[in-house]
Amino acid sequence: MTLSVVPIPNRKLSRAGLDSLPTLIARAGDRASWRFVEFFAANIRNKNTRSAYVQAVGQFFAWCDRQGIQELSQLNPVFMAGYIEEHQGSPPTVKQHLAAIRMLFDWLVIGQIVPMNPASSVRGPKHVVKVGKTPVLKADQARQLLDSIDTTTITGLRDRAILGVMCYTFARVSAAVGMKVEDYYQNGKRWWLRLHEKGGKRHDVPAHHNAEAYLDVYIAAAGIGDHKHSPLFRAIDRHRRITERSISRTDVLRMIKRRAQDAGLPSSTCCHTFRATGITAYLENGGTIENAQIIAAHESPRTTKLYDRTSDDITLDEVERIAI
């Protein structure tokens, strides 16, 4: 983003994920500048969404600068549609950018910075997804990966426990790495896992017996059973000792790539693979979309269906039916 001439405290900018203000916003005055910062700092709670929206809005205002726009009042639906037409991103990216711009201008309208939202009537590109693109492992491949991990070290025990939690609860990697020791707890005769998913949702799932076994061994080896408020999955230092710090999502991705390569599995395997793999394995074993939706904490069964790869295997016999 272009540097702003409006003095905004650095801590506010930092919290919002910004390093400066767009010139178009800065030129609109202090009220507009503060409202802009508040949109990211106070209105968007998820840091990943905030980061994506900062980039989207930044690209839009940079484009406005190149078009010679001097005032917010010059923006109108025709101009906004022109930006969408010229955008070089994929349809999902363009739709996300348009959503970010719409939300920002709705916020500016509510704050009486602009009288109307110039993006409200603009339509994005049509994009319908019925099957997700997340790489999925077969059940035997997932088992191969889990069994290939050397569990004679604390690193191996931790890694197997992380992958087990993601497979057997359909958890996002952010929910897994954000767990505390107390989020693995006993309820009656069973152990449960408490996940903190997107949007601040607390989601409790019974622990699969395999996940329970992996966690019990890891927690005992790490000696963290009594540290209820500390991170469950911890980083390992250069001396291969467990630390007090939570492992990061980036480190989990690196671990998955390394473990997949060692097990001879596809290089496309990633953090989200285990969410899709778990859902697919569950459905192949007679589970229902409705219950998979509940386990995955999805708002809609359509989202869960994107992870269902049970119909992906078209046999050669079926293809040979095309008698041309």
Protein backbone atom coordinates (compact mmCIF):
# COMPACT_ATOMS: atom_id res chain seq x y z
CA MET A 1 0.00 0.00 0.00
CA THR A 2 1.07 3.60 -0.59
CA LEU A 3 2.40 5.40 2.48
CA SER A 4 -0.12 7.56 4.27
CA VAL A 5 0.30 11.16 5.34
CA VAL A 6 -2.17 10.65 8.20
CA PRO A 7 -0.51 9.96 11.60
CA ILE A 8 -1.95 6.63 12.73
CA PRO A 9 -0.40 4.85 15.74
CA ASN A 10 1.81 1.99 14.59
CA ARG A 11 0.28 -0.47 17.02
CA LYS A 12 -3.13 0.04 15.41
CA LEU A 13 -1.72 -0.49 11.94
CA SER A 14 0.21 -3.53 13.12
CA ARG A 15 -2.86 -5.06 14.72
CA ALA A 16 -4.78 -4.60 11.50
CA GLY A 17 -2.00 -6.18 9.46
CA LEU A 18 -1.32 -2.87 7.70
CA ASP A 19 1.95 -1.04 7.20
CA SER A 20 0.40 2.08 5.65
CA LEU A 21 -2.83 3.54 4.31
CA PRO A 22 -3.95 3.87 0.68
CA THR A 23 -3.60 7.45 -0.56
CA LEU A 24 -7.28 7.53 -1.50
CA ILE A 25 -8.27 6.79 2.10
CA ALA A 26 -5.64 9.12 3.57
CA ARG A 27 -6.87 11.94 1.32
CA ALA A 28 -10.41 11.47 2.66
CA GLY A 29 -9.33 12.66 6.12
CA ASP A 30 -8.82 11.40 9.64
CA ARG A 31 -12.33 9.96 10.08
CA ALA A 32 -11.99 7.88 6.93
CA SER A 33 -8.50 6.76 7.93
CA TRP A 34 -9.58 5.62 11.38
CA ARG A 35 -12.66 3.91 9.98
CA PHE A 36 -10.48 2.08 7.47
CA VAL A 37 -8.11 0.84 10.20
CA GLU A 38 -11.04 -0.17 12.41
CA PHE A 39 -12.45 -2.32 9.60
CA PHE A 40 -9.40 -4.59 9.79
CA ALA A 41 -8.49 -4.19 13.48
CA ALA A 42 -11.96 -4.44 15.04
CA ASN A 43 -14.34 -5.87 12.46
CA ILE A 44 -12.36 -8.86 11.14
CA ARG A 45 -11.35 -11.22 13.92
CA ASN A 46 -9.79 -14.08 11.94
CA LYS A 47 -6.16 -13.22 11.21
CA ASN A 48 -6.07 -15.26 8.00
CA THR A 49 -9.17 -13.52 6.65
CA ARG A 50 -7.69 -10.20 7.73
CA SER A 51 -4.45 -10.87 5.89
CA ALA A 52 -6.29 -11.91 2.71
CA TYR A 53 -8.56 -8.85 2.84
CA VAL A 54 -5.61 -6.51 3.43
CA GLN A 55 -4.02 -7.80 0.24
CA ALA A 56 -7.28 -7.63 -1.73
CA VAL A 57 -8.09 -4.08 -0.65
CA GLY A 58 -4.48 -2.99 -1.14
CA GLN A 59 -4.49 -4.22 -4.73
CA PHE A 60 -7.76 -2.43 -5.41
CA PHE A 61 -6.60 0.92 -4.11
CA ALA A 62 -3.27 0.58 -5.93
CA TRP A 63 -5.30 0.10 -9.12
CA CYS A 64 -7.34 3.20 -8.26
CA ASP A 65 -4.11 5.18 -7.99
CA ARG A 66 -3.03 4.00 -11.42
CA GLN A 67 -6.39 5.09 -12.82
CA GLY A 68 -5.88 8.59 -11.44
CA ILE A 69 -8.79 8.47 -8.97
CA GLN A 70 -8.49 11.38 -6.54
CA GLU A 71 -11.56 11.06 -4.31
CA LEU A 72 -13.70 8.27 -2.90
CA SER A 73 -16.74 10.02 -4.40
CA GLN A 74 -15.45 9.18 -7.89
CA LEU A 75 -15.97 5.46 -7.31
CA ASN A 76 -19.15 4.06 -8.86
CA PRO A 77 -20.52 0.65 -9.93
CA VAL A 78 -19.23 1.03 -13.50
CA PHE A 79 -15.73 1.78 -12.25
CA MET A 80 -15.83 -1.14 -9.83
CA ALA A 81 -17.04 -3.48 -12.58
CA GLY A 82 -14.07 -2.34 -14.67
CA TYR A 83 -11.70 -3.39 -11.91
CA ILE A 84 -13.30 -6.83 -11.71
CA GLU A 85 -13.08 -7.25 -15.48
CA GLU A 86 -9.40 -6.36 -15.50
CA HIS A 87 -8.48 -8.56 -12.54
CA GLN A 88 -6.06 -11.29 -13.60
CA GLY A 89 -6.81 -13.69 -10.77
CA SER A 90 -8.75 -16.95 -10.85
CA PRO A 91 -12.55 -16.78 -10.35
CA PRO A 92 -12.30 -17.72 -6.63
CA THR A 93 -9.64 -15.03 -6.10
CA VAL A 94 -11.71 -12.39 -7.90
CA LYS A 95 -14.79 -13.31 -5.87
CA GLN A 96 -12.81 -13.04 -2.64
CA HIS A 97 -11.43 -9.63 -3.65
CA LEU A 98 -14.91 -8.39 -4.53
CA ALA A 99 -16.22 -9.64 -1.18
CA ALA A 100 -13.45 -7.78 0.65
CA ILE A 101 -14.17 -4.54 -1.23
CA ARG A 102 -17.92 -4.85 -0.62
CA MET A 103 -17.42 -5.42 3.10
CA LEU A 104 -15.05 -2.47 3.38
CA PHE A 105 -17.43 -0.06 1.66
CA ASP A 106 -20.38 -1.34 3.70
CA TRP A 107 -18.28 -0.46 6.75
CA LEU A 108 -17.51 2.99 5.33
CA VAL A 109 -21.21 3.58 4.56
CA ILE A 110 -22.20 2.66 8.13
CA GLY A 111 -19.51 5.04 9.39
CA GLN A 112 -20.94 7.80 7.13
CA ILE A 113 -17.69 8.13 5.20
CA VAL A 114 -19.36 7.49 1.83
CA PRO A 115 -23.08 7.72 1.00
CA MET A 116 -23.34 4.42 -0.91
CA ASN A 117 -21.45 1.22 -1.58
CA PRO A 118 -20.20 1.37 -5.20
CA ALA A 119 -19.56 -2.38 -5.24
CA SER A 120 -22.94 -3.56 -3.95
CA SER A 121 -24.45 -4.15 -7.40
CA VAL A 122 -21.32 -5.52 -9.06
CA ARG A 123 -21.37 -9.22 -9.84
CA GLY A 124 -18.29 -11.39 -9.74
CA PRO A 125 -17.40 -14.22 -12.12
CA LYS A 126 -19.55 -17.32 -11.99
CA HIS A 127 -17.75 -20.08 -10.16
CA VAL A 128 -19.47 -23.28 -9.07
CA VAL A 129 -17.49 -25.96 -7.26
CA LYS A 130 -19.03 -29.38 -6.71
CA VAL A 131 -15.85 -31.35 -6.02
CA GLY A 132 -12.98 -29.93 -3.99
CA LYS A 133 -9.36 -29.91 -5.14
CA THR A 134 -7.81 -30.84 -1.80
CA PRO A 135 -5.42 -33.80 -2.29
CA VAL A 136 -6.81 -36.92 -0.60
CA LEU A 137 -5.06 -40.06 0.59
CA LYS A 138 -6.63 -43.48 0.44
CA ALA A 139 -7.29 -45.06 3.82
CA ASP A 140 -4.39 -47.47 3.34
CA GLN A 141 -2.10 -44.59 2.35
CA ALA A 142 -3.03 -42.66 5.49
CA ARG A 143 -2.34 -45.79 7.54
CA GLN A 144 0.98 -46.22 5.71
CA LEU A 145 1.96 -42.67 6.62
CA LEU A 146 1.02 -43.02 10.28
CA ASP A 147 2.81 -46.36 10.58
CA SER A 148 5.94 -45.02 8.88
CA ILE A 149 6.62 -42.48 11.63
CA ASP A 150 9.48 -43.38 13.96
CA THR A 151 7.89 -43.23 17.41
CA THR A 152 11.08 -43.81 19.37
CA THR A 153 11.52 -40.02 19.57
CA ILE A 154 9.34 -37.30 21.06
CA THR A 155 9.20 -35.66 17.64
CA GLY A 156 7.75 -38.80 16.09
CA LEU A 157 5.20 -39.22 18.88
CA ARG A 158 4.12 -35.60 18.50
CA ASP A 159 3.85 -35.79 14.72
CA ARG A 160 1.79 -39.00 14.82
CA ALA A 161 -0.53 -37.45 17.41
CA ILE A 162 -1.04 -34.31 15.30
CA LEU A 163 -1.85 -36.30 12.17
CA GLY A 164 -4.09 -38.61 14.18
CA VAL A 165 -6.10 -35.71 15.57
CA MET A 166 -6.51 -34.17 12.11
CA CYS A 167 -7.53 -37.49 10.53
CA TYR A 168 -9.96 -38.65 13.19
CA THR A 169 -11.66 -35.32 13.97
CA PHE A 170 -11.51 -33.68 10.49
CA ALA A 171 -9.85 -30.73 12.25
CA ARG A 172 -8.21 -27.84 10.44
CA VAL A 173 -4.51 -27.48 11.16
CA SER A 174 -5.15 -24.13 12.91
CA ALA A 175 -7.53 -25.85 15.33
CA ALA A 176 -5.06 -28.66 16.00
CA VAL A 177 -2.04 -26.43 16.69
CA GLY A 178 -4.19 -24.15 18.85
CA MET A 179 -5.14 -26.91 21.27
CA LYS A 180 -4.15 -26.77 24.94
CA VAL A 181 -3.46 -29.84 27.05
CA GLU A 182 -6.82 -29.29 28.74
CA ASP A 183 -8.57 -29.60 25.36
CA TYR A 184 -7.99 -33.35 25.57
CA TYR A 185 -10.25 -34.28 28.45
CA GLN A 186 -12.22 -37.15 29.98
CA ASN A 187 -16.01 -37.07 29.90
CA GLY A 188 -17.50 -40.10 31.60
CA LYS A 189 -15.69 -43.18 30.31
CA ARG A 190 -14.57 -41.56 27.06
CA TRP A 191 -11.95 -39.01 26.17
CA TRP A 192 -12.92 -35.99 24.09
CA LEU A 193 -11.16 -33.34 22.03
CA ARG A 194 -12.10 -29.69 22.18
CA LEU A 195 -11.32 -27.79 18.97
CA HIS A 196 -11.48 -24.04 18.49
CA GLU A 197 -12.49 -23.63 14.86
CA LYS A 198 -13.01 -20.64 12.58
CA GLY A 199 -15.32 -17.90 13.77
CA GLY A 200 -14.59 -18.62 17.42
CA LYS A 201 -16.64 -21.83 17.37
CA ARG A 202 -15.87 -24.32 20.13
CA HIS A 203 -16.33 -27.82 18.82
CA ASP A 204 -16.16 -30.96 20.99
CA VAL A 205 -15.57 -34.34 19.35
CA PRO A 206 -15.21 -37.80 20.93
CA ALA A 207 -11.67 -39.12 20.56
CA HIS A 208 -11.29 -42.04 18.18
CA HIS A 209 -9.50 -44.90 19.95
CA ASN A 210 -6.45 -44.51 17.68
CA ALA A 211 -6.22 -40.77 18.31
CA GLU A 212 -6.63 -41.45 22.02
CA ALA A 213 -3.77 -43.95 21.98
CA TYR A 214 -1.49 -41.57 20.04
CA LEU A 215 -2.23 -38.69 22.41
CA ASP A 216 -1.79 -40.73 25.58
CA VAL A 217 1.67 -41.94 24.56
CA TYR A 218 2.76 -38.48 23.36
CA ILE A 219 1.54 -36.63 26.47
CA ALA A 220 3.18 -39.16 28.79
CA ALA A 221 6.49 -38.99 26.92
CA ALA A 222 6.41 -35.18 26.84
CA GLY A 223 5.53 -34.98 30.53
CA ILE A 224 2.91 -32.28 29.97
CA GLY A 225 -0.16 -33.99 31.43
CA ASP A 226 -0.33 -31.61 34.39
CA HIS A 227 0.29 -28.45 32.34
CA LYS A 228 -3.38 -28.01 31.48
CA HIS A 229 -3.20 -24.44 30.16
CA SER A 230 -0.08 -24.92 28.04
CA PRO A 231 0.11 -25.85 24.32
CA LEU A 232 -0.65 -29.48 23.53
CA PHE A 233 1.45 -29.74 20.38
CA ARG A 234 4.79 -28.09 20.99
CA ALA A 235 7.77 -27.03 18.92
CA ILE A 236 11.03 -28.96 19.13
CA ASP A 237 14.30 -27.05 19.54
CA ARG A 238 17.58 -27.63 17.71
CA HIS A 239 18.66 -30.08 20.39
CA ARG A 240 15.54 -32.18 19.69
CA ARG A 241 14.00 -31.20 23.01
CA ILE A 242 10.38 -30.22 23.44
CA THR A 243 9.77 -26.54 24.21
CA GLU A 244 7.02 -24.47 25.81
CA ARG A 245 6.02 -22.97 22.45
CA SER A 246 3.16 -24.20 20.29
CA ILE A 247 4.15 -25.67 16.93
CA SER A 248 3.21 -23.38 14.03
CA ARG A 249 1.03 -24.22 11.05
CA THR A 250 4.03 -23.70 8.78
CA ASP A 251 6.07 -26.22 10.76
CA VAL A 252 3.20 -28.72 10.56
CA LEU A 253 3.09 -28.31 6.77
CA ARG A 254 6.85 -28.85 6.52
CA MET A 255 6.52 -31.93 8.73
CA ILE A 256 3.73 -33.34 6.55
CA LYS A 257 5.71 -32.78 3.35
CA ARG A 258 8.73 -34.50 4.87
CA ARG A 259 6.75 -37.41 6.29
CA ALA A 260 4.84 -37.92 3.03
CA GLN A 261 8.07 -37.98 1.03
CA ASP A 262 9.63 -40.49 3.42
CA ALA A 263 6.55 -42.70 3.11
CA GLY A 264 6.57 -42.51 -0.69
CA LEU A 265 3.27 -40.63 -0.84
CA PRO A 266 2.26 -37.81 -3.24
CA SER A 267 4.16 -34.52 -2.83
CA SER A 268 0.81 -32.70 -3.01
CA THR A 269 -0.08 -34.00 0.47
CA CYS A 270 -0.76 -31.01 2.72
CA CYS A 271 -2.41 -30.04 6.01
CA HIS A 272 -5.92 -30.02 4.55
CA THR A 273 -5.37 -33.48 3.06
CA PHE A 274 -6.15 -35.08 6.40
CA ARG A 275 -9.49 -33.29 6.72
CA ALA A 276 -10.55 -34.58 3.31
CA THR A 277 -9.01 -38.01 3.91
CA GLY A 278 -10.87 -38.46 7.19
CA ILE A 279 -14.21 -37.38 5.72
CA THR A 280 -13.80 -39.65 2.68
CA ALA A 281 -12.78 -42.66 4.81
CA TYR A 282 -15.77 -42.04 7.09
CA LEU A 283 -18.23 -41.91 4.18
CA GLU A 284 -16.71 -44.98 2.51
CA ASN A 285 -17.35 -46.89 5.73
CA GLY A 286 -21.06 -46.08 5.72
CA GLY A 287 -21.08 -42.66 7.40
CA THR A 288 -23.53 -39.97 6.32
CA ILE A 289 -22.90 -36.49 4.97
CA GLU A 290 -25.06 -35.07 7.77
CA ASN A 291 -22.93 -36.61 10.51
CA ALA A 292 -19.71 -35.80 8.68
CA GLN A 293 -20.89 -32.19 8.61
CA ILE A 294 -21.36 -32.24 12.39
CA ILE A 295 -17.93 -33.78 13.02
CA ALA A 296 -16.25 -31.30 10.65
CA ALA A 297 -18.19 -28.34 12.14
CA HIS A 298 -19.26 -27.17 8.68
CA GLU A 299 -22.11 -24.69 8.36
CA SER A 300 -23.49 -26.42 5.27
CA PRO A 301 -23.49 -30.04 4.02
CA ARG A 302 -22.48 -28.64 0.63
CA THR A 303 -19.12 -27.69 2.13
CA THR A 304 -18.69 -31.18 3.55
CA LYS A 305 -19.57 -32.68 0.17
CA LEU A 306 -16.54 -30.93 -1.35
CA TYR A 307 -14.36 -33.24 0.73
CA ASP A 308 -16.18 -36.41 -0.33
CA ARG A 309 -14.07 -38.35 -2.83
CA THR A 310 -16.01 -41.63 -2.63
CA SER A 311 -17.15 -41.24 -6.24
CA ASP A 312 -13.78 -40.24 -7.68
CA ASP A 313 -12.76 -43.74 -8.73
CA ILE A 314 -14.19 -44.34 -12.18
CA THR A 315 -13.21 -47.88 -13.14
CA LEU A 316 -11.72 -48.85 -16.48
CA ASP A 317 -14.74 -51.07 -17.09
CA GLU A 318 -17.03 -48.06 -16.85
CA VAL A 319 -14.89 -46.06 -19.26
CA GLU A 320 -14.88 -48.97 -21.70
CA ARG A 321 -18.66 -48.73 -21.85
CA ILE A 322 -18.20 -45.74 -24.16
CA ALA A 323 -18.68 -47.75 -27.33
CA ILE A 324 -17.65 -45.45 -30.16
